[in-house]
Amino acid sequence: MTNDPERSREPRSGLARAASVLMRASFVLGACGLLCAMLIDATAVVGRRLGMPVLGSIELVETCVVLMASASLVGTTLGEGHASVHILTEHLAAPWRIRMKRLADALSALFFAALAIGSLVVVRDLWGGDERTELLNLPLAPLRVLWCVSAIGVVLLFVAAAVRRSPRGGP
């Protein structure tokens, strides 16, 4: 997933094309979530100023934020765009740099696995309760499931990156 013109001319595997489509889809979903959140919030501010408050605007913005966060985490992980500091690793020899990147991928996978497991426990505990928002009565289960699927997807992407960097899988 690079903007290098030389690499973009190379034939891509089916997996690389699928990753590219998923990255674009996550970008579009995240962008739509952000735009909707901004539109809803701007409408609510104008409505308050005109004396016509928009009830439930916070609930709608929170829904958009779940969509935005879930999509952007998947897209950022696919594009290997998570923030990282290279102050120490840039001074290491290439084999050690690869090992440290694999370790970072493995630790990131463990972190998101913990988030996913905790979220799945919450989903399981609240599944039969028909949990809804207060004003608009929006169901929360689909949002929780979306977050869980995204977190599990991020775990799988970090595991795949760590395996891809293994000595058998190449740098």
N, C-alpha and C. Protein backbone atom coordinates (compact mmCIF):
# COMPACT_ATOMS: atom_id res chain seq x y z
N MET A 1 0.83 -1.17 0.00
CA MET A 1 0.00 0.00 0.00
C MET A 1 0.88 1.24 0.00
N THR A 2 1.52 1.49 -1.08
CA THR A 2 2.42 2.62 -1.16
C THR A 2 2.09 3.46 -2.38
N ASN A 3 2.58 4.67 -2.38
CA ASN A 3 2.36 5.55 -3.52
C ASN A 3 3.55 5.53 -4.47
N ASP A 4 4.46 4.59 -4.29
CA ASP A 4 5.63 4.48 -5.14
C ASP A 4 5.19 4.07 -6.54
N PRO A 5 5.48 4.91 -7.57
CA PRO A 5 5.01 4.59 -8.93
C PRO A 5 5.61 3.29 -9.48
N GLU A 6 6.83 2.95 -9.07
CA GLU A 6 7.44 1.72 -9.56
C GLU A 6 6.69 0.50 -9.05
N ARG A 7 6.32 0.52 -7.78
CA ARG A 7 5.62 -0.62 -7.20
C ARG A 7 4.20 -0.72 -7.71
N SER A 8 3.59 0.43 -8.07
CA SER A 8 2.21 0.40 -8.51
C SER A 8 2.07 -0.27 -9.87
N ARG A 9 3.16 -0.38 -10.65
CA ARG A 9 3.10 -1.03 -11.95
C ARG A 9 3.25 -2.54 -11.86
N GLU A 10 3.72 -3.02 -10.72
CA GLU A 10 3.90 -4.46 -10.54
C GLU A 10 2.54 -5.14 -10.46
N PRO A 11 2.42 -6.35 -11.02
CA PRO A 11 1.14 -7.06 -10.86
C PRO A 11 0.94 -7.41 -9.40
N ARG A 12 -0.29 -7.24 -8.94
CA ARG A 12 -0.58 -7.49 -7.54
C ARG A 12 -1.33 -8.78 -7.38
N SER A 13 -1.06 -9.44 -6.26
CA SER A 13 -1.75 -10.69 -5.97
C SER A 13 -3.19 -10.40 -5.59
N GLY A 14 -4.01 -11.45 -5.55
CA GLY A 14 -5.40 -11.30 -5.15
C GLY A 14 -5.52 -10.78 -3.73
N LEU A 15 -4.60 -11.21 -2.87
CA LEU A 15 -4.61 -10.76 -1.48
C LEU A 15 -4.29 -9.27 -1.40
N ALA A 16 -3.33 -8.81 -2.20
CA ALA A 16 -2.97 -7.40 -2.19
C ALA A 16 -4.13 -6.55 -2.73
N ARG A 17 -4.82 -7.05 -3.75
CA ARG A 17 -5.98 -6.32 -4.27
C ARG A 17 -7.10 -6.27 -3.24
N ALA A 18 -7.33 -7.38 -2.54
CA ALA A 18 -8.36 -7.41 -1.50
C ALA A 18 -8.01 -6.44 -0.39
N ALA A 19 -6.73 -6.40 -0.02
CA ALA A 19 -6.30 -5.46 1.03
C ALA A 19 -6.50 -4.02 0.58
N SER A 20 -6.22 -3.76 -0.69
CA SER A 20 -6.40 -2.41 -1.22
C SER A 20 -7.87 -2.01 -1.22
N VAL A 21 -8.74 -2.94 -1.62
CA VAL A 21 -10.18 -2.66 -1.62
C VAL A 21 -10.67 -2.44 -0.19
N LEU A 22 -10.21 -3.28 0.74
CA LEU A 22 -10.62 -3.13 2.14
C LEU A 22 -10.12 -1.81 2.72
N MET A 23 -8.91 -1.41 2.35
CA MET A 23 -8.36 -0.15 2.84
C MET A 23 -9.17 1.03 2.30
N ARG A 24 -9.52 0.98 1.03
CA ARG A 24 -10.34 2.05 0.45
C ARG A 24 -11.73 2.08 1.07
N ALA A 25 -12.31 0.90 1.27
CA ALA A 25 -13.65 0.83 1.87
C ALA A 25 -13.62 1.37 3.30
N SER A 26 -12.58 1.04 4.05
CA SER A 26 -12.49 1.56 5.41
C SER A 26 -12.29 3.07 5.40
N PHE A 27 -11.54 3.57 4.42
CA PHE A 27 -11.37 5.02 4.30
C PHE A 27 -12.71 5.70 4.00
N VAL A 28 -13.47 5.14 3.08
CA VAL A 28 -14.77 5.72 2.72
C VAL A 28 -15.73 5.67 3.91
N LEU A 29 -15.78 4.52 4.60
CA LEU A 29 -16.66 4.41 5.77
C LEU A 29 -16.26 5.39 6.87
N GLY A 30 -14.98 5.49 7.13
CA GLY A 30 -14.50 6.42 8.14
C GLY A 30 -14.78 7.86 7.75
N ALA A 31 -14.56 8.19 6.48
CA ALA A 31 -14.84 9.54 6.01
C ALA A 31 -16.32 9.86 6.09
N CYS A 32 -17.16 8.90 5.73
CA CYS A 32 -18.61 9.11 5.84
C CYS A 32 -19.02 9.31 7.30
N GLY A 33 -18.44 8.53 8.19
CA GLY A 33 -18.72 8.69 9.62
C GLY A 33 -18.31 10.06 10.11
N LEU A 34 -17.14 10.54 9.68
CA LEU A 34 -16.66 11.85 10.10
C LEU A 34 -17.55 12.96 9.54
N LEU A 35 -17.88 12.87 8.26
CA LEU A 35 -18.73 13.89 7.64
C LEU A 35 -20.12 13.92 8.28
N CYS A 36 -20.68 12.75 8.53
CA CYS A 36 -22.00 12.70 9.18
C CYS A 36 -21.94 13.29 10.58
N ALA A 37 -20.89 12.95 11.33
CA ALA A 37 -20.75 13.49 12.69
C ALA A 37 -20.65 15.02 12.65
N MET A 38 -19.86 15.55 11.71
CA MET A 38 -19.73 16.99 11.61
C MET A 38 -21.05 17.64 11.19
N LEU A 39 -21.75 17.04 10.25
CA LEU A 39 -23.03 17.58 9.78
C LEU A 39 -24.06 17.58 10.92
N ILE A 40 -24.14 16.48 11.63
CA ILE A 40 -25.10 16.37 12.74
C ILE A 40 -24.77 17.38 13.82
N ASP A 41 -23.49 17.48 14.17
CA ASP A 41 -23.10 18.40 15.24
C ASP A 41 -23.31 19.86 14.82
N ALA A 42 -22.97 20.19 13.58
CA ALA A 42 -23.18 21.56 13.09
C ALA A 42 -24.66 21.90 13.08
N THR A 43 -25.49 20.94 12.64
CA THR A 43 -26.94 21.16 12.65
C THR A 43 -27.44 21.37 14.07
N ALA A 44 -26.92 20.61 15.01
CA ALA A 44 -27.34 20.75 16.40
C ALA A 44 -26.94 22.11 16.97
N VAL A 45 -25.74 22.59 16.61
CA VAL A 45 -25.29 23.90 17.10
C VAL A 45 -26.19 25.00 16.53
N VAL A 46 -26.44 24.95 15.23
CA VAL A 46 -27.31 25.95 14.60
C VAL A 46 -28.71 25.87 15.20
N GLY A 47 -29.20 24.65 15.40
CA GLY A 47 -30.53 24.48 16.00
C GLY A 47 -30.61 25.08 17.39
N ARG A 48 -29.56 24.88 18.19
CA ARG A 48 -29.55 25.47 19.54
C ARG A 48 -29.56 26.99 19.46
N ARG A 49 -28.80 27.55 18.54
CA ARG A 49 -28.74 29.01 18.39
C ARG A 49 -30.09 29.59 17.93
N LEU A 50 -30.83 28.82 17.15
CA LEU A 50 -32.13 29.27 16.67
C LEU A 50 -33.27 28.93 17.62
N GLY A 51 -32.91 28.29 18.72
CA GLY A 51 -33.93 27.92 19.70
C GLY A 51 -34.68 26.65 19.36
N MET A 52 -34.13 25.85 18.42
CA MET A 52 -34.74 24.58 18.02
C MET A 52 -33.71 23.46 18.19
N PRO A 53 -33.50 23.00 19.43
CA PRO A 53 -32.47 21.98 19.64
C PRO A 53 -32.79 20.67 18.91
N VAL A 54 -31.75 20.02 18.46
CA VAL A 54 -31.88 18.72 17.79
C VAL A 54 -31.70 17.64 18.85
N LEU A 55 -32.81 17.03 19.24
CA LEU A 55 -32.75 15.99 20.27
C LEU A 55 -32.04 14.76 19.74
N GLY A 56 -31.16 14.21 20.54
CA GLY A 56 -30.47 12.98 20.18
C GLY A 56 -29.24 13.19 19.31
N SER A 57 -28.83 14.44 19.12
CA SER A 57 -27.68 14.67 18.24
C SER A 57 -26.41 14.02 18.80
N ILE A 58 -26.26 14.02 20.11
CA ILE A 58 -25.07 13.40 20.71
C ILE A 58 -25.08 11.90 20.46
N GLU A 59 -26.24 11.27 20.55
CA GLU A 59 -26.33 9.83 20.28
C GLU A 59 -25.96 9.52 18.83
N LEU A 60 -26.41 10.36 17.92
CA LEU A 60 -26.08 10.15 16.51
C LEU A 60 -24.60 10.36 16.25
N VAL A 61 -24.02 11.39 16.87
CA VAL A 61 -22.58 11.63 16.71
C VAL A 61 -21.78 10.46 17.28
N GLU A 62 -22.19 9.94 18.43
CA GLU A 62 -21.50 8.79 19.01
C GLU A 62 -21.58 7.57 18.10
N THR A 63 -22.70 7.38 17.44
CA THR A 63 -22.83 6.29 16.48
C THR A 63 -21.86 6.47 15.33
N CYS A 64 -21.75 7.70 14.84
CA CYS A 64 -20.81 7.99 13.76
C CYS A 64 -19.36 7.78 14.20
N VAL A 65 -19.08 8.09 15.45
CA VAL A 65 -17.72 7.93 15.97
C VAL A 65 -17.34 6.44 16.02
N VAL A 66 -18.28 5.58 16.40
CA VAL A 66 -17.98 4.14 16.41
C VAL A 66 -17.65 3.67 14.99
N LEU A 67 -18.45 4.10 14.03
CA LEU A 67 -18.19 3.74 12.63
C LEU A 67 -16.84 4.28 12.18
N MET A 68 -16.57 5.52 12.49
CA MET A 68 -15.33 6.17 12.09
C MET A 68 -14.11 5.49 12.73
N ALA A 69 -14.18 5.25 14.02
CA ALA A 69 -13.04 4.65 14.72
C ALA A 69 -12.78 3.23 14.26
N SER A 70 -13.84 2.46 14.09
CA SER A 70 -13.68 1.07 13.65
C SER A 70 -13.06 1.01 12.26
N ALA A 71 -13.57 1.83 11.36
CA ALA A 71 -13.07 1.82 9.98
C ALA A 71 -11.63 2.33 9.92
N SER A 72 -11.33 3.40 10.66
CA SER A 72 -9.99 3.95 10.56
C SER A 72 -8.94 3.06 11.21
N LEU A 73 -9.30 2.31 12.24
CA LEU A 73 -8.33 1.37 12.82
C LEU A 73 -7.97 0.27 11.83
N VAL A 74 -8.97 -0.26 11.15
CA VAL A 74 -8.69 -1.30 10.14
C VAL A 74 -7.86 -0.72 9.00
N GLY A 75 -8.26 0.44 8.49
CA GLY A 75 -7.53 1.06 7.38
C GLY A 75 -6.11 1.42 7.73
N THR A 76 -5.92 1.96 8.91
CA THR A 76 -4.57 2.35 9.35
C THR A 76 -3.69 1.12 9.54
N THR A 77 -4.25 0.05 10.06
CA THR A 77 -3.48 -1.18 10.25
C THR A 77 -3.12 -1.79 8.89
N LEU A 78 -4.07 -1.79 7.96
CA LEU A 78 -3.77 -2.31 6.62
C LEU A 78 -2.66 -1.52 5.95
N GLY A 79 -2.70 -0.21 6.11
CA GLY A 79 -1.69 0.64 5.48
C GLY A 79 -0.43 0.81 6.29
N GLU A 80 -0.33 0.07 7.40
CA GLU A 80 0.82 0.16 8.31
C GLU A 80 1.10 1.61 8.67
N GLY A 81 0.03 2.32 9.02
CA GLY A 81 0.14 3.73 9.31
C GLY A 81 0.09 4.10 10.78
N HIS A 82 0.18 3.13 11.67
CA HIS A 82 0.17 3.45 13.09
C HIS A 82 1.44 4.21 13.46
N ALA A 83 1.31 5.11 14.40
CA ALA A 83 2.46 5.90 14.84
C ALA A 83 3.50 5.00 15.46
N SER A 84 4.74 5.28 15.16
CA SER A 84 5.83 4.53 15.78
C SER A 84 7.05 5.45 15.89
N VAL A 85 7.89 5.15 16.86
CA VAL A 85 9.09 5.93 17.10
C VAL A 85 10.28 5.06 16.73
N HIS A 86 11.19 5.62 15.95
CA HIS A 86 12.31 4.84 15.43
C HIS A 86 13.66 5.31 16.00
N ILE A 87 13.63 6.02 17.11
CA ILE A 87 14.86 6.58 17.67
C ILE A 87 15.87 5.48 17.96
N LEU A 88 15.42 4.37 18.53
CA LEU A 88 16.33 3.28 18.85
C LEU A 88 16.50 2.32 17.69
N THR A 89 15.40 1.98 17.04
CA THR A 89 15.48 0.92 16.01
C THR A 89 16.23 1.36 14.77
N GLU A 90 16.30 2.65 14.49
CA GLU A 90 17.02 3.08 13.28
C GLU A 90 18.52 2.85 13.40
N HIS A 91 19.00 2.65 14.62
CA HIS A 91 20.43 2.41 14.83
C HIS A 91 20.76 0.92 14.88
N LEU A 92 19.76 0.07 14.77
CA LEU A 92 19.99 -1.38 14.82
C LEU A 92 20.31 -1.92 13.43
N ALA A 93 20.97 -3.06 13.43
CA ALA A 93 21.20 -3.76 12.16
C ALA A 93 19.86 -4.26 11.63
N ALA A 94 19.77 -4.48 10.34
CA ALA A 94 18.51 -4.85 9.69
C ALA A 94 17.84 -6.06 10.33
N PRO A 95 18.56 -7.15 10.65
CA PRO A 95 17.87 -8.29 11.27
C PRO A 95 17.22 -7.93 12.61
N TRP A 96 17.91 -7.11 13.41
CA TRP A 96 17.33 -6.72 14.70
C TRP A 96 16.16 -5.76 14.51
N ARG A 97 16.25 -4.91 13.51
CA ARG A 97 15.15 -3.99 13.22
C ARG A 97 13.89 -4.78 12.85
N ILE A 98 14.06 -5.84 12.07
CA ILE A 98 12.93 -6.69 11.69
C ILE A 98 12.37 -7.40 12.92
N ARG A 99 13.26 -7.90 13.79
CA ARG A 99 12.80 -8.56 15.02
C ARG A 99 11.99 -7.60 15.90
N MET A 100 12.47 -6.37 16.01
CA MET A 100 11.76 -5.39 16.84
C MET A 100 10.40 -5.04 16.23
N LYS A 101 10.35 -4.96 14.91
CA LYS A 101 9.06 -4.68 14.25
C LYS A 101 8.10 -5.85 14.47
N ARG A 102 8.61 -7.07 14.40
CA ARG A 102 7.77 -8.25 14.68
C ARG A 102 7.27 -8.23 16.11
N LEU A 103 8.15 -7.85 17.04
CA LEU A 103 7.75 -7.75 18.44
C LEU A 103 6.67 -6.69 18.61
N ALA A 104 6.84 -5.56 17.95
CA ALA A 104 5.82 -4.49 18.03
C ALA A 104 4.50 -4.98 17.45
N ASP A 105 4.55 -5.71 16.34
CA ASP A 105 3.33 -6.27 15.75
C ASP A 105 2.65 -7.26 16.70
N ALA A 106 3.47 -8.10 17.33
CA ALA A 106 2.91 -9.09 18.27
C ALA A 106 2.30 -8.41 19.49
N LEU A 107 2.97 -7.41 20.04
CA LEU A 107 2.42 -6.69 21.19
C LEU A 107 1.15 -5.92 20.82
N SER A 108 1.13 -5.36 19.63
CA SER A 108 -0.08 -4.67 19.16
C SER A 108 -1.23 -5.65 19.00
N ALA A 109 -0.92 -6.83 18.48
CA ALA A 109 -1.95 -7.86 18.34
C ALA A 109 -2.49 -8.26 19.71
N LEU A 110 -1.60 -8.41 20.69
CA LEU A 110 -2.05 -8.74 22.05
C LEU A 110 -2.92 -7.63 22.65
N PHE A 111 -2.54 -6.39 22.42
CA PHE A 111 -3.32 -5.26 22.94
C PHE A 111 -4.73 -5.26 22.35
N PHE A 112 -4.82 -5.39 21.03
CA PHE A 112 -6.14 -5.38 20.41
C PHE A 112 -6.92 -6.65 20.72
N ALA A 113 -6.21 -7.75 20.96
CA ALA A 113 -6.91 -8.97 21.38
C ALA A 113 -7.55 -8.76 22.75
N ALA A 114 -6.83 -8.08 23.65
CA ALA A 114 -7.41 -7.79 24.96
C ALA A 114 -8.64 -6.89 24.82
N LEU A 115 -8.55 -5.88 23.96
CA LEU A 115 -9.71 -5.02 23.71
C LEU A 115 -10.88 -5.81 23.13
N ALA A 116 -10.58 -6.68 22.17
CA ALA A 116 -11.63 -7.48 21.53
C ALA A 116 -12.28 -8.43 22.53
N ILE A 117 -11.47 -9.08 23.34
CA ILE A 117 -12.02 -10.03 24.32
C ILE A 117 -12.90 -9.29 25.33
N GLY A 118 -12.41 -8.17 25.83
CA GLY A 118 -13.22 -7.39 26.77
C GLY A 118 -14.52 -6.92 26.14
N SER A 119 -14.46 -6.49 24.90
CA SER A 119 -15.67 -6.03 24.20
C SER A 119 -16.62 -7.18 23.93
N LEU A 120 -16.08 -8.34 23.60
CA LEU A 120 -16.93 -9.51 23.37
C LEU A 120 -17.63 -9.95 24.67
N VAL A 121 -16.94 -9.81 25.79
CA VAL A 121 -17.57 -10.13 27.08
C VAL A 121 -18.74 -9.18 27.33
N VAL A 122 -18.55 -7.91 27.04
CA VAL A 122 -19.63 -6.94 27.22
C VAL A 122 -20.79 -7.27 26.29
N VAL A 123 -20.49 -7.59 25.03
CA VAL A 123 -21.54 -7.95 24.07
C VAL A 123 -22.32 -9.16 24.56
N ARG A 124 -21.60 -10.18 25.03
CA ARG A 124 -22.26 -11.38 25.52
C ARG A 124 -23.15 -11.09 26.72
N ASP A 125 -22.65 -10.28 27.63
CA ASP A 125 -23.42 -9.97 28.84
C ASP A 125 -24.67 -9.15 28.55
N LEU A 126 -24.60 -8.29 27.56
CA LEU A 126 -25.72 -7.38 27.29
C LEU A 126 -26.57 -7.80 26.09
N TRP A 127 -26.24 -8.92 25.46
CA TRP A 127 -26.91 -9.30 24.21
C TRP A 127 -28.43 -9.43 24.37
N GLY A 128 -28.88 -10.12 25.37
CA GLY A 128 -30.32 -10.33 25.53
C GLY A 128 -31.04 -9.15 26.15
N GLY A 129 -30.32 -8.12 26.56
CA GLY A 129 -30.92 -7.01 27.27
C GLY A 129 -31.54 -5.95 26.41
N ASP A 130 -31.39 -6.02 25.11
CA ASP A 130 -31.94 -5.03 24.19
C ASP A 130 -31.53 -3.62 24.62
N GLU A 131 -30.22 -3.43 24.75
CA GLU A 131 -29.66 -2.15 25.17
C GLU A 131 -29.87 -1.11 24.07
N ARG A 132 -30.38 0.06 24.45
CA ARG A 132 -30.68 1.13 23.48
C ARG A 132 -30.28 2.48 24.06
N THR A 133 -30.13 3.45 23.16
CA THR A 133 -29.83 4.81 23.60
C THR A 133 -31.07 5.42 24.26
N GLU A 134 -30.87 6.47 25.04
CA GLU A 134 -31.96 7.03 25.84
C GLU A 134 -32.99 7.80 25.03
N LEU A 135 -32.56 8.68 24.14
CA LEU A 135 -33.51 9.56 23.45
C LEU A 135 -34.07 8.97 22.17
N LEU A 136 -33.18 8.47 21.33
CA LEU A 136 -33.61 7.99 20.01
C LEU A 136 -33.91 6.49 19.99
N ASN A 137 -33.61 5.82 21.07
CA ASN A 137 -33.89 4.38 21.17
C ASN A 137 -33.13 3.56 20.12
N LEU A 138 -31.91 4.00 19.81
CA LEU A 138 -31.07 3.28 18.83
C LEU A 138 -30.48 2.04 19.49
N PRO A 139 -30.49 0.91 18.80
CA PRO A 139 -29.89 -0.30 19.39
C PRO A 139 -28.36 -0.18 19.43
N LEU A 140 -27.77 -0.61 20.52
CA LEU A 140 -26.32 -0.53 20.67
C LEU A 140 -25.60 -1.81 20.27
N ALA A 141 -26.31 -2.92 20.22
CA ALA A 141 -25.66 -4.20 19.89
C ALA A 141 -24.95 -4.17 18.53
N PRO A 142 -25.57 -3.62 17.47
CA PRO A 142 -24.85 -3.60 16.18
C PRO A 142 -23.55 -2.79 16.25
N LEU A 143 -23.54 -1.71 17.02
CA LEU A 143 -22.33 -0.91 17.15
C LEU A 143 -21.25 -1.68 17.92
N ARG A 144 -21.68 -2.39 18.95
CA ARG A 144 -20.72 -3.20 19.71
C ARG A 144 -20.15 -4.33 18.84
N VAL A 145 -21.00 -4.95 18.05
CA VAL A 145 -20.54 -6.02 17.15
C VAL A 145 -19.58 -5.46 16.11
N LEU A 146 -19.90 -4.29 15.54
CA LEU A 146 -19.00 -3.66 14.57
C LEU A 146 -17.64 -3.41 15.19
N TRP A 147 -17.61 -2.89 16.41
CA TRP A 147 -16.34 -2.64 17.07
C TRP A 147 -15.58 -3.95 17.28
N CYS A 148 -16.28 -4.99 17.73
CA CYS A 148 -15.62 -6.29 17.98
C CYS A 148 -15.03 -6.86 16.69
N VAL A 149 -15.79 -6.80 15.61
CA VAL A 149 -15.30 -7.31 14.33
C VAL A 149 -14.07 -6.52 13.89
N SER A 150 -14.11 -5.21 14.06
CA SER A 150 -12.95 -4.38 13.70
C SER A 150 -11.73 -4.71 14.55
N ALA A 151 -11.93 -4.86 15.85
CA ALA A 151 -10.81 -5.17 16.74
C ALA A 151 -10.20 -6.53 16.40
N ILE A 152 -11.06 -7.51 16.11
CA ILE A 152 -10.56 -8.83 15.72
C ILE A 152 -9.82 -8.74 14.38
N GLY A 153 -10.35 -7.94 13.47
CA GLY A 153 -9.68 -7.73 12.18
C GLY A 153 -8.30 -7.12 12.37
N VAL A 154 -8.18 -6.16 13.26
CA VAL A 154 -6.89 -5.53 13.53
C VAL A 154 -5.92 -6.55 14.14
N VAL A 155 -6.41 -7.40 15.03
CA VAL A 155 -5.57 -8.46 15.60
C VAL A 155 -5.03 -9.34 14.48
N LEU A 156 -5.91 -9.79 13.60
CA LEU A 156 -5.49 -10.67 12.50
C LEU A 156 -4.49 -9.97 11.58
N LEU A 157 -4.68 -8.69 11.33
CA LEU A 157 -3.75 -7.94 10.48
C LEU A 157 -2.37 -7.81 11.13
N PHE A 158 -2.34 -7.57 12.44
CA PHE A 158 -1.05 -7.49 13.13
C PHE A 158 -0.35 -8.85 13.17
N VAL A 159 -1.12 -9.91 13.37
CA VAL A 159 -0.53 -11.25 13.36
C VAL A 159 0.03 -11.56 11.97
N ALA A 160 -0.74 -11.23 10.94
CA ALA A 160 -0.26 -11.46 9.56
C ALA A 160 1.01 -10.66 9.28
N ALA A 161 1.09 -9.43 9.77
CA ALA A 161 2.29 -8.61 9.57
C ALA A 161 3.48 -9.23 10.29
N ALA A 162 3.27 -9.73 11.50
CA ALA A 162 4.37 -10.35 12.24
C ALA A 162 4.85 -11.61 11.54
N VAL A 163 3.94 -12.41 11.03
CA VAL A 163 4.32 -13.64 10.33
C VAL A 163 5.02 -13.31 9.01
N ARG A 164 4.52 -12.28 8.33
CA ARG A 164 5.11 -11.87 7.05
C ARG A 164 6.55 -11.42 7.24
N ARG A 165 6.85 -10.85 8.39
CA ARG A 165 8.22 -10.38 8.66
C ARG A 165 9.12 -11.48 9.21
N SER A 166 8.59 -12.68 9.38
CA SER A 166 9.40 -13.75 9.96
C SER A 166 10.51 -14.16 9.01
N PRO A 167 11.56 -14.80 9.53
CA PRO A 167 12.67 -15.23 8.67
C PRO A 167 12.21 -16.11 7.52
N ARG A 168 11.16 -16.94 7.76
CA ARG A 168 10.66 -17.78 6.68
C ARG A 168 9.82 -16.99 5.71
N GLY A 169 9.12 -15.95 6.22
CA GLY A 169 8.22 -15.16 5.39
C GLY A 169 8.90 -14.00 4.70
N GLY A 170 10.12 -13.69 5.08
CA GLY A 170 10.85 -12.59 4.47
C GLY A 170 10.62 -11.30 5.25
N PRO A 171 11.38 -10.25 4.93
CA PRO A 171 11.30 -8.98 5.66
C PRO A 171 10.04 -8.30 5.29
